[in-house]
Amino acid sequence: MFKLLITADELRKAVTSRNWLVFDVRHDLADHQAGRLAYEQGHIPGALYLDHERQLSAPRTGKNGRHPLPSRDDFAALMRSQGLTRQSQVVVYDGGNSMFAAHLWWMLRWLGHEQVAILDGGWPAWVAAGGEVQTGTNTASVTEAQAVQSMGAPREAGMPTVDAQAVLANLALPSFVVVDARAAERYRGEVEPMDPVAGHIPGALNRPNTLNVQADGRFRPASELQQDFRALLQGRSPDQVVHQCGSGITACHNLFAMELAGLTGSALYPGSWSEWCSDPARPVARSEG
């Protein structure tokens, strides 16, 4: 069973195995068609494509962030339609840095499905390993009706979340620390390419998610990640950590990196900065504060 990472060579040996389910979630926040086009031009054989804008997000209201987390029931229905059963070994990959793959990994764990792993290095690693390339599109081999019988109702949530109200209350009576996964210049409020307000949640620590991977997109060794996060958290336990980013996607990359490092139990603020800054009554910090 794979629960965190899988290498391209390991996947090549198992990709046609029974009950294996592979998802391609390549995406470009600036070009929402790019991921699906890349998938159609070449993907891992049998892989199904999921879209972060239309399938892995709930409807936007202007107050709930750029990629609102769907309800667990809605997400469970989507995954059953893709053939997910309790027996499925899921593998998720993206364009290489695992930013989008980590988000779906987290969502599946949140749903209560533990057998889900990220392809380390993503699509480039598959190609470099000589993996077979398939073009066109695929559809689920297991029907939703079959999946319902096997999967049933969503299990108890495997990953904790907090909402904006909890983050706001934490400012006055801190019980957890927020870790912001955005680039340092966005955290400091020097630039803001995605959202209408620049800055960060007061008291948040900055840990750009790009620090989790090597130059080839593969994750850094678990021992290095553990050392980095322990230094950042300064004695706080993982269950005192809430991850945040721009819209709840790259925050999952930090959360995954902590899990990979053996620091389990941290939570996600799904709405993240795009939700937080949509209400002018919520405080904003800038610079290094």
C-alpha atoms as a PDB file:
ATOM      1  CA  MET A   1       0.000   0.000   0.000  1.00  0.00           C
ATOM      2  CA  PHE A   2       1.293   3.456  -0.939  1.00  0.00           C
ATOM      3  CA  LYS A   3       0.213   6.373   1.274  1.00  0.00           C
ATOM      4  CA  LEU A   4       2.741   9.140   0.586  1.00  0.00           C
ATOM      5  CA  LEU A   5       5.090   8.844  -2.399  1.00  0.00           C
ATOM      6  CA  ILE A   6       5.552   6.432  -5.264  1.00  0.00           C
ATOM      7  CA  THR A   7       8.393   6.502  -7.784  1.00  0.00           C
ATOM      8  CA  ALA A   8       7.933   6.325 -11.533  1.00  0.00           C
ATOM      9  CA  ASP A   9       9.611   2.896 -11.619  1.00  0.00           C
ATOM     10  CA  GLU A  10       7.279   1.589  -8.896  1.00  0.00           C
ATOM     11  CA  LEU A  11       4.262   2.902 -10.766  1.00  0.00           C
ATOM     12  CA  ARG A  12       5.419   1.421 -14.067  1.00  0.00           C
ATOM     13  CA  LYS A  13       5.363  -2.029 -12.474  1.00  0.00           C
ATOM     14  CA  ALA A  14       1.884  -1.602 -11.006  1.00  0.00           C
ATOM     15  CA  VAL A  15      -0.049   0.786 -13.235  1.00  0.00           C
ATOM     16  CA  THR A  16      -2.109  -1.957 -14.892  1.00  0.00           C
ATOM     17  CA  SER A  17      -2.819  -3.751 -11.610  1.00  0.00           C
ATOM     18  CA  ARG A  18      -6.368  -4.357 -10.488  1.00  0.00           C
ATOM     19  CA  ASN A  19      -7.852  -1.640  -8.260  1.00  0.00           C
ATOM     20  CA  TRP A  20      -5.209   0.951  -9.170  1.00  0.00           C
ATOM     21  CA  LEU A  21      -6.574   4.385 -10.059  1.00  0.00           C
ATOM     22  CA  VAL A  22      -4.350   7.145 -11.486  1.00  0.00           C
ATOM     23  CA  PHE A  23      -5.354  10.809 -11.662  1.00  0.00           C
ATOM     24  CA  ASP A  24      -3.712  13.508 -13.759  1.00  0.00           C
ATOM     25  CA  VAL A  25      -4.271  16.937 -12.194  1.00  0.00           C
ATOM     26  CA  ARG A  26      -1.911  19.087 -14.252  1.00  0.00           C
ATOM     27  CA  HIS A  27      -3.092  22.680 -14.060  1.00  0.00           C
ATOM     28  CA  ASP A  28      -2.063  26.260 -14.719  1.00  0.00           C
ATOM     29  CA  LEU A  29      -3.651  28.973 -12.567  1.00  0.00           C
ATOM     30  CA  ALA A  30      -3.120  31.485 -15.375  1.00  0.00           C
ATOM     31  CA  ASP A  31      -4.431  29.225 -18.170  1.00  0.00           C
ATOM     32  CA  HIS A  32      -7.212  26.934 -17.040  1.00  0.00           C
ATOM     33  CA  GLN A  33      -7.248  24.942 -20.280  1.00  0.00           C
ATOM     34  CA  ALA A  34      -3.552  24.095 -20.249  1.00  0.00           C
ATOM     35  CA  GLY A  35      -3.794  21.088 -17.941  1.00  0.00           C
ATOM     36  CA  ARG A  36      -6.502  19.273 -19.864  1.00  0.00           C
ATOM     37  CA  LEU A  37      -4.745  19.994 -23.156  1.00  0.00           C
ATOM     38  CA  ALA A  38      -1.478  18.588 -21.771  1.00  0.00           C
ATOM     39  CA  TYR A  39      -3.362  15.490 -20.583  1.00  0.00           C
ATOM     40  CA  GLU A  40      -4.937  14.909 -23.989  1.00  0.00           C
ATOM     41  CA  GLN A  41      -1.549  15.254 -25.685  1.00  0.00           C
ATOM     42  CA  GLY A  42       0.050  12.667 -23.415  1.00  0.00           C
ATOM     43  CA  HIS A  43      -0.606  10.987 -20.059  1.00  0.00           C
ATOM     44  CA  ILE A  44       0.068   7.842 -18.050  1.00  0.00           C
ATOM     45  CA  PRO A  45      -1.934   4.941 -19.542  1.00  0.00           C
ATOM     46  CA  GLY A  46      -5.353   4.672 -17.944  1.00  0.00           C
ATOM     47  CA  ALA A  47      -5.053   7.982 -16.079  1.00  0.00           C
ATOM     48  CA  LEU A  48      -8.202  10.039 -15.569  1.00  0.00           C
ATOM     49  CA  TYR A  49      -8.111  13.838 -15.663  1.00  0.00           C
ATOM     50  CA  LEU A  50      -9.578  16.030 -12.915  1.00  0.00           C
ATOM     51  CA  ASP A  51      -9.916  19.803 -13.246  1.00  0.00           C
ATOM     52  CA  HIS A  52      -9.082  21.987 -10.248  1.00  0.00           C
ATOM     53  CA  GLU A  53     -11.380  24.781 -11.379  1.00  0.00           C
ATOM     54  CA  ARG A  54     -14.535  22.883 -12.306  1.00  0.00           C
ATOM     55  CA  GLN A  55     -14.403  19.551 -10.492  1.00  0.00           C
ATOM     56  CA  LEU A  56     -12.224  19.941  -7.401  1.00  0.00           C
ATOM     57  CA  SER A  57     -13.709  23.271  -6.261  1.00  0.00           C
ATOM     58  CA  ALA A  58     -17.143  24.298  -5.034  1.00  0.00           C
ATOM     59  CA  PRO A  59     -18.992  27.266  -6.612  1.00  0.00           C
ATOM     60  CA  ARG A  60     -17.389  30.616  -5.827  1.00  0.00           C
ATOM     61  CA  THR A  61     -19.377  33.327  -4.075  1.00  0.00           C
ATOM     62  CA  GLY A  62     -16.721  36.039  -3.954  1.00  0.00           C
ATOM     63  CA  LYS A  63     -16.422  35.474  -0.206  1.00  0.00           C
ATOM     64  CA  ASN A  64     -15.289  31.845  -0.013  1.00  0.00           C
ATOM     65  CA  GLY A  65     -11.958  32.008  -1.843  1.00  0.00           C
ATOM     66  CA  ARG A  66     -10.730  31.110  -5.302  1.00  0.00           C
ATOM     67  CA  HIS A  67     -10.882  27.326  -4.860  1.00  0.00           C
ATOM     68  CA  PRO A  68     -13.591  26.647  -2.261  1.00  0.00           C
ATOM     69  CA  LEU A  69     -13.530  23.191  -0.738  1.00  0.00           C
ATOM     70  CA  PRO A  70     -16.583  21.206  -1.868  1.00  0.00           C
ATOM     71  CA  SER A  71     -18.722  19.400   0.672  1.00  0.00           C
ATOM     72  CA  ARG A  72     -17.498  15.939   1.550  1.00  0.00           C
ATOM     73  CA  ASP A  73     -20.680  14.429   0.125  1.00  0.00           C
ATOM     74  CA  ASP A  74     -20.221  16.227  -3.201  1.00  0.00           C
ATOM     75  CA  PHE A  75     -16.563  15.259  -3.388  1.00  0.00           C
ATOM     76  CA  ALA A  76     -17.381  11.658  -2.507  1.00  0.00           C
ATOM     77  CA  ALA A  77     -19.935  11.581  -5.320  1.00  0.00           C
ATOM     78  CA  LEU A  78     -17.335  12.940  -7.757  1.00  0.00           C
ATOM     79  CA  MET A  79     -14.805  10.316  -6.736  1.00  0.00           C
ATOM     80  CA  ARG A  80     -17.344   7.511  -7.001  1.00  0.00           C
ATOM     81  CA  SER A  81     -18.107   8.725 -10.525  1.00  0.00           C
ATOM     82  CA  GLN A  82     -14.393   8.290 -11.250  1.00  0.00           C
ATOM     83  CA  GLY A  83     -14.470   4.714  -9.997  1.00  0.00           C
ATOM     84  CA  LEU A  84     -13.061   5.141  -6.498  1.00  0.00           C
ATOM     85  CA  THR A  85     -13.760   2.201  -4.188  1.00  0.00           C
ATOM     86  CA  ARG A  86     -12.459   1.303  -0.743  1.00  0.00           C
ATOM     87  CA  GLN A  87     -10.015  -1.077  -2.439  1.00  0.00           C
ATOM     88  CA  SER A  88      -8.545   1.548  -4.790  1.00  0.00           C
ATOM     89  CA  GLN A  89      -4.852   2.350  -4.647  1.00  0.00           C
ATOM     90  CA  VAL A  90      -4.829   5.928  -5.925  1.00  0.00           C
ATOM     91  CA  VAL A  91      -1.846   7.682  -7.498  1.00  0.00           C
ATOM     92  CA  VAL A  92      -1.947  11.392  -8.270  1.00  0.00           C
ATOM     93  CA  TYR A  93       0.456  13.377 -10.447  1.00  0.00           C
ATOM     94  CA  ASP A  94       0.804  16.832 -11.968  1.00  0.00           C
ATOM     95  CA  GLY A  95       3.323  18.769 -14.046  1.00  0.00           C
ATOM     96  CA  GLY A  96       6.235  18.043 -11.738  1.00  0.00           C
ATOM     97  CA  ASN A  97       6.340  19.987  -8.475  1.00  0.00           C
ATOM     98  CA  SER A  98       3.336  18.128  -6.966  1.00  0.00           C
ATOM     99  CA  MET A  99       1.535  21.344  -5.997  1.00  0.00           C
ATOM    100  CA  PHE A 100      -1.781  20.234  -7.480  1.00  0.00           C
ATOM    101  CA  ALA A 101      -1.160  16.558  -6.767  1.00  0.00           C
ATOM    102  CA  ALA A 102      -0.734  17.331  -3.066  1.00  0.00           C
ATOM    103  CA  HIS A 103      -4.109  19.076  -3.050  1.00  0.00           C
ATOM    104  CA  LEU A 104      -5.966  16.038  -4.393  1.00  0.00           C
ATOM    105  CA  TRP A 105      -3.900  13.791  -2.098  1.00  0.00           C
ATOM    106  CA  TRP A 106      -5.120  15.873   0.848  1.00  0.00           C
ATOM    107  CA  MET A 107      -8.737  15.891  -0.373  1.00  0.00           C
ATOM    108  CA  LEU A 108      -8.779  12.102  -0.631  1.00  0.00           C
ATOM    109  CA  ARG A 109      -7.254  11.745   2.827  1.00  0.00           C
ATOM    110  CA  TRP A 110      -9.844  14.248   4.099  1.00  0.00           C
ATOM    111  CA  LEU A 111     -12.479  11.989   2.575  1.00  0.00           C
ATOM    112  CA  GLY A 112     -11.076   9.116   4.620  1.00  0.00           C
ATOM    113  CA  HIS A 113      -9.280   7.291   1.782  1.00  0.00           C
ATOM    114  CA  GLU A 114      -5.778   6.392   2.949  1.00  0.00           C
ATOM    115  CA  GLN A 115      -4.377   4.464  -0.029  1.00  0.00           C
ATOM    116  CA  VAL A 116      -3.331   7.517  -2.033  1.00  0.00           C
ATOM    117  CA  ALA A 117       0.185   8.480  -3.089  1.00  0.00           C
ATOM    118  CA  ILE A 118       1.849  11.229  -5.111  1.00  0.00           C
ATOM    119  CA  LEU A 119       4.024  10.315  -8.079  1.00  0.00           C
ATOM    120  CA  ASP A 120       7.327  11.857  -7.023  1.00  0.00           C
ATOM    121  CA  GLY A 121       8.466  14.245  -9.743  1.00  0.00           C
ATOM    122  CA  GLY A 122       5.162  14.025 -11.590  1.00  0.00           C
ATOM    123  CA  TRP A 123       4.810  13.758 -15.343  1.00  0.00           C
ATOM    124  CA  PRO A 124       8.476  14.644 -16.108  1.00  0.00           C
ATOM    125  CA  ALA A 125       9.633  11.791 -13.863  1.00  0.00           C
ATOM    126  CA  TRP A 126       7.333   9.364 -15.691  1.00  0.00           C
ATOM    127  CA  VAL A 127       8.686  10.419 -19.083  1.00  0.00           C
ATOM    128  CA  ALA A 128      12.304  10.338 -17.861  1.00  0.00           C
ATOM    129  CA  ALA A 129      11.773   6.787 -16.574  1.00  0.00           C
ATOM    130  CA  GLY A 130      10.638   5.665 -20.014  1.00  0.00           C
ATOM    131  CA  GLY A 131       7.007   5.278 -19.014  1.00  0.00           C
ATOM    132  CA  GLU A 132       4.488   4.545 -21.745  1.00  0.00           C
ATOM    133  CA  VAL A 133       2.537   7.566 -23.007  1.00  0.00           C
ATOM    134  CA  GLN A 134      -1.137   7.448 -23.933  1.00  0.00           C
ATOM    135  CA  THR A 135      -3.000  10.201 -25.784  1.00  0.00           C
ATOM    136  CA  GLY A 136      -6.664  11.168 -25.900  1.00  0.00           C
ATOM    137  CA  THR A 137      -8.962  10.729 -22.913  1.00  0.00           C
ATOM    138  CA  ASN A 138     -10.049   7.939 -20.573  1.00  0.00           C
ATOM    139  CA  THR A 139     -13.245   7.202 -18.677  1.00  0.00           C
ATOM    140  CA  ALA A 140     -13.663   5.344 -15.410  1.00  0.00           C
ATOM    141  CA  SER A 141     -13.629   1.543 -15.708  1.00  0.00           C
ATOM    142  CA  VAL A 142     -15.767   1.136 -12.584  1.00  0.00           C
ATOM    143  CA  THR A 143     -19.271   2.573 -12.749  1.00  0.00           C
ATOM    144  CA  GLU A 144     -20.538   4.932 -10.076  1.00  0.00           C
ATOM    145  CA  ALA A 145     -23.155   2.356  -9.064  1.00  0.00           C
ATOM    146  CA  GLN A 146     -20.422  -0.232  -8.515  1.00  0.00           C
ATOM    147  CA  ALA A 147     -18.351   2.294  -6.586  1.00  0.00           C
ATOM    148  CA  VAL A 148     -21.291   3.214  -4.355  1.00  0.00           C
ATOM    149  CA  GLN A 149     -21.699  -0.418  -3.366  1.00  0.00           C
ATOM    150  CA  SER A 150     -18.007  -0.705  -2.513  1.00  0.00           C
ATOM    151  CA  MET A 151     -17.337   2.734  -1.087  1.00  0.00           C
ATOM    152  CA  GLY A 152     -20.570   3.565   0.696  1.00  0.00           C
ATOM    153  CA  ALA A 153     -20.851   6.842   2.581  1.00  0.00           C
ATOM    154  CA  PRO A 154     -17.750   8.997   3.202  1.00  0.00           C
ATOM    155  CA  ARG A 155     -15.694   7.795   6.131  1.00  0.00           C
ATOM    156  CA  GLU A 156     -14.881   9.967   9.084  1.00  0.00           C
ATOM    157  CA  ALA A 157     -12.681  12.837   7.923  1.00  0.00           C
ATOM    158  CA  GLY A 158      -9.026  11.867   7.999  1.00  0.00           C
ATOM    159  CA  MET A 159      -7.650  15.408   7.852  1.00  0.00           C
ATOM    160  CA  PRO A 160      -8.735  18.329  10.088  1.00  0.00           C
ATOM    161  CA  THR A 161      -9.745  21.759   8.817  1.00  0.00           C
ATOM    162  CA  VAL A 162     -10.392  25.170  10.371  1.00  0.00           C
ATOM    163  CA  ASP A 163     -12.508  28.018   9.038  1.00  0.00           C
ATOM    164  CA  ALA A 164     -11.998  31.778   8.900  1.00  0.00           C
ATOM    165  CA  GLN A 165     -13.834  32.297  12.175  1.00  0.00           C
ATOM    166  CA  ALA A 166     -11.472  29.936  13.985  1.00  0.00           C
ATOM    167  CA  VAL A 167      -8.447  31.707  12.506  1.00  0.00           C
ATOM    168  CA  LEU A 168      -9.873  35.070  13.546  1.00  0.00           C
ATOM    169  CA  ALA A 169     -10.557  33.870  17.099  1.00  0.00           C
ATOM    170  CA  ASN A 170      -7.027  32.463  17.269  1.00  0.00           C
ATOM    171  CA  LEU A 171      -5.579  35.970  16.887  1.00  0.00           C
ATOM    172  CA  ALA A 172      -6.800  36.921  20.361  1.00  0.00           C
ATOM    173  CA  LEU A 173      -6.314  33.574  22.098  1.00  0.00           C
ATOM    174  CA  PRO A 174      -3.677  31.648  20.121  1.00  0.00           C
ATOM    175  CA  SER A 175      -3.907  27.875  20.255  1.00  0.00           C
ATOM    176  CA  PHE A 176      -2.297  27.195  16.878  1.00  0.00           C
ATOM    177  CA  VAL A 177       0.113  28.849  14.471  1.00  0.00           C
ATOM    178  CA  VAL A 178      -0.718  29.545  10.838  1.00  0.00           C
ATOM    179  CA  VAL A 179       1.919  28.598   8.241  1.00  0.00           C
ATOM    180  CA  ASP A 180       1.623  30.498   4.945  1.00  0.00           C
ATOM    181  CA  ALA A 181       2.857  28.543   1.891  1.00  0.00           C
ATOM    182  CA  ARG A 182       3.011  31.492  -0.514  1.00  0.00           C
ATOM    183  CA  ALA A 183       6.178  33.063  -1.886  1.00  0.00           C
ATOM    184  CA  ALA A 184       7.956  35.401   0.535  1.00  0.00           C
ATOM    185  CA  GLU A 185       7.190  38.558  -1.445  1.00  0.00           C
ATOM    186  CA  ARG A 186       3.469  37.755  -1.422  1.00  0.00           C
ATOM    187  CA  TYR A 187       3.578  36.986   2.292  1.00  0.00           C
ATOM    188  CA  ARG A 188       5.279  40.337   2.966  1.00  0.00           C
ATOM    189  CA  GLY A 189       2.668  42.129   0.878  1.00  0.00           C
ATOM    190  CA  GLU A 190       5.142  43.480  -1.663  1.00  0.00           C
ATOM    191  CA  VAL A 191       3.249  41.962  -4.607  1.00  0.00           C
ATOM    192  CA  GLU A 192      -0.108  40.233  -5.031  1.00  0.00           C
ATOM    193  CA  PRO A 193      -0.704  38.724  -8.487  1.00  0.00           C
ATOM    194  CA  MET A 194      -3.812  36.714  -7.641  1.00  0.00           C
ATOM    195  CA  ASP A 195      -5.915  38.438  -4.982  1.00  0.00           C
ATOM    196  CA  PRO A 196      -7.208  42.025  -4.487  1.00  0.00           C
ATOM    197  CA  VAL A 197      -5.404  42.624  -1.169  1.00  0.00           C
ATOM    198  CA  ALA A 198      -1.701  42.096  -0.413  1.00  0.00           C
ATOM    199  CA  GLY A 199      -0.309  40.899   2.892  1.00  0.00           C
ATOM    200  CA  HIS A 200      -0.797  38.001   5.283  1.00  0.00           C
ATOM    201  CA  ILE A 201      -2.780  36.836   8.293  1.00  0.00           C
ATOM    202  CA  PRO A 202      -1.330  38.478  11.425  1.00  0.00           C
ATOM    203  CA  GLY A 203       1.022  36.147  13.262  1.00  0.00           C
ATOM    204  CA  ALA A 204       1.386  33.714  10.353  1.00  0.00           C
ATOM    205  CA  LEU A 205       4.783  32.167   9.667  1.00  0.00           C
ATOM    206  CA  ASN A 206       6.061  31.958   6.102  1.00  0.00           C
ATOM    207  CA  ARG A 207       7.197  28.684   4.545  1.00  0.00           C
ATOM    208  CA  PRO A 208       7.162  28.878   0.722  1.00  0.00           C
ATOM    209  CA  ASN A 209       6.104  25.477  -0.527  1.00  0.00           C
ATOM    210  CA  THR A 210       8.826  25.566  -3.190  1.00  0.00           C
ATOM    211  CA  LEU A 211      11.327  24.782  -0.418  1.00  0.00           C
ATOM    212  CA  ASN A 212       9.911  21.258  -0.172  1.00  0.00           C
ATOM    213  CA  VAL A 213      11.229  20.008  -3.509  1.00  0.00           C
ATOM    214  CA  GLN A 214      14.528  19.581  -5.280  1.00  0.00           C
ATOM    215  CA  ALA A 215      15.402  21.106  -8.650  1.00  0.00           C
ATOM    216  CA  ASP A 216      13.906  18.122 -10.493  1.00  0.00           C
ATOM    217  CA  GLY A 217      10.565  18.482  -8.682  1.00  0.00           C
ATOM    218  CA  ARG A 218      11.069  15.481  -6.423  1.00  0.00           C
ATOM    219  CA  PHE A 219      10.546  15.959  -2.704  1.00  0.00           C
ATOM    220  CA  ARG A 220      13.578  16.581  -0.541  1.00  0.00           C
ATOM    221  CA  PRO A 221      14.574  13.820   1.901  1.00  0.00           C
ATOM    222  CA  ALA A 222      12.222  13.419   4.845  1.00  0.00           C
ATOM    223  CA  SER A 223      15.034  14.073   7.320  1.00  0.00           C
ATOM    224  CA  GLU A 224      15.778  17.467   5.756  1.00  0.00           C
ATOM    225  CA  LEU A 225      12.117  18.430   5.706  1.00  0.00           C
ATOM    226  CA  GLN A 226      11.731  17.448   9.342  1.00  0.00           C
ATOM    227  CA  GLN A 227      14.712  19.575  10.327  1.00  0.00           C
ATOM    228  CA  ASP A 228      13.339  22.581   8.434  1.00  0.00           C
ATOM    229  CA  PHE A 229       9.837  22.366   9.868  1.00  0.00           C
ATOM    230  CA  ARG A 230      11.063  21.797  13.417  1.00  0.00           C
ATOM    231  CA  ALA A 231      13.184  24.939  13.110  1.00  0.00           C
ATOM    232  CA  LEU A 232      10.211  26.894  11.782  1.00  0.00           C
ATOM    233  CA  LEU A 233       7.771  25.665  14.429  1.00  0.00           C
ATOM    234  CA  GLN A 234      10.163  26.135  17.377  1.00  0.00           C
ATOM    235  CA  GLY A 235       8.795  23.378  19.574  1.00  0.00           C
ATOM    236  CA  ARG A 236       5.166  23.487  18.497  1.00  0.00           C
ATOM    237  CA  SER A 237       3.584  20.123  17.825  1.00  0.00           C
ATOM    238  CA  PRO A 238       2.069  19.348  14.402  1.00  0.00           C
ATOM    239  CA  ASP A 239      -1.462  19.453  15.815  1.00  0.00           C
ATOM    240  CA  GLN A 240      -0.843  23.123  16.672  1.00  0.00           C
ATOM    241  CA  VAL A 241      -0.240  23.963  12.996  1.00  0.00           C
ATOM    242  CA  VAL A 242      -2.766  25.248  10.439  1.00  0.00           C
ATOM    243  CA  HIS A 243      -1.636  25.511   6.812  1.00  0.00           C
ATOM    244  CA  GLN A 244      -2.728  28.326   4.520  1.00  0.00           C
ATOM    245  CA  CYS A 245      -1.795  29.732   1.125  1.00  0.00           C
ATOM    246  CA  GLY A 246      -3.626  31.731  -1.543  1.00  0.00           C
ATOM    247  CA  SER A 247      -6.606  29.442  -2.084  1.00  0.00           C
ATOM    248  CA  GLY A 248      -5.937  26.205  -0.213  1.00  0.00           C
ATOM    249  CA  ILE A 249      -3.881  24.386  -2.858  1.00  0.00           C
ATOM    250  CA  THR A 250      -0.186  24.977  -2.117  1.00  0.00           C
ATOM    251  CA  ALA A 251      -0.921  24.822   1.615  1.00  0.00           C
ATOM    252  CA  CYS A 252      -1.505  21.101   1.050  1.00  0.00           C
ATOM    253  CA  HIS A 253       2.048  20.845  -0.311  1.00  0.00           C
ATOM    254  CA  ASN A 254       3.419  22.005   3.058  1.00  0.00           C
ATOM    255  CA  LEU A 255       1.010  19.735   4.895  1.00  0.00           C
ATOM    256  CA  PHE A 256       2.112  16.781   2.768  1.00  0.00           C
ATOM    257  CA  ALA A 257       5.772  17.647   3.349  1.00  0.00           C
ATOM    258  CA  MET A 258       5.176  17.588   7.097  1.00  0.00           C
ATOM    259  CA  GLU A 259       3.462  14.207   6.817  1.00  0.00           C
ATOM    260  CA  LEU A 260       6.383  12.936   4.733  1.00  0.00           C
ATOM    261  CA  ALA A 261       8.713  14.186   7.467  1.00  0.00           C
ATOM    262  CA  GLY A 262       6.792  12.247  10.111  1.00  0.00           C
ATOM    263  CA  LEU A 263       5.177  15.383  11.530  1.00  0.00           C
ATOM    264  CA  THR A 264       1.572  14.253  11.309  1.00  0.00           C
ATOM    265  CA  GLY A 265      -1.658  15.862  12.383  1.00  0.00           C
ATOM    266  CA  SER A 266      -1.597  19.444  11.094  1.00  0.00           C
ATOM    267  CA  ALA A 267      -4.744  21.112   9.748  1.00  0.00           C
ATOM    268  CA  LEU A 268      -5.744  23.091   6.663  1.00  0.00           C
ATOM    269  CA  TYR A 269      -7.514  26.429   6.366  1.00  0.00           C
ATOM    270  CA  PRO A 270      -9.122  25.727   2.960  1.00  0.00           C
ATOM    271  CA  GLY A 271     -10.325  29.257   2.212  1.00  0.00           C
ATOM    272  CA  SER A 272      -6.843  30.664   2.826  1.00  0.00           C
ATOM    273  CA  TRP A 273      -5.780  34.185   1.888  1.00  0.00           C
ATOM    274  CA  SER A 274      -8.297  34.639  -0.944  1.00  0.00           C
ATOM    275  CA  GLU A 275     -11.150  34.042   1.493  1.00  0.00           C
ATOM    276  CA  TRP A 276      -9.522  35.918   4.389  1.00  0.00           C
ATOM    277  CA  CYS A 277      -8.937  39.131   2.429  1.00  0.00           C
ATOM    278  CA  SER A 278     -12.458  39.129   0.937  1.00  0.00           C
ATOM    279  CA  ASP A 279     -13.765  40.581   4.213  1.00  0.00           C
ATOM    280  CA  PRO A 280     -12.289  44.043   4.921  1.00  0.00           C
ATOM    281  CA  ALA A 281     -13.058  43.594   8.625  1.00  0.00           C
ATOM    282  CA  ARG A 282     -10.382  40.905   8.929  1.00  0.00           C
ATOM    283  CA  PRO A 283      -6.951  42.289   9.847  1.00  0.00           C
ATOM    284  CA  VAL A 284      -4.030  42.250   7.404  1.00  0.00           C
ATOM    285  CA  ALA A 285      -0.311  42.290   8.227  1.00  0.00           C
ATOM    286  CA  ARG A 286       2.512  43.298   5.911  1.00  0.00           C
ATOM    287  CA  SER A 287       6.348  43.244   5.866  1.00  0.00           C
ATOM    288  CA  GLU A 288       8.024  40.705   8.153  1.00  0.00           C
ATOM    289  CA  GLY A 289       5.502  41.067  10.985  1.00  0.00           C
END
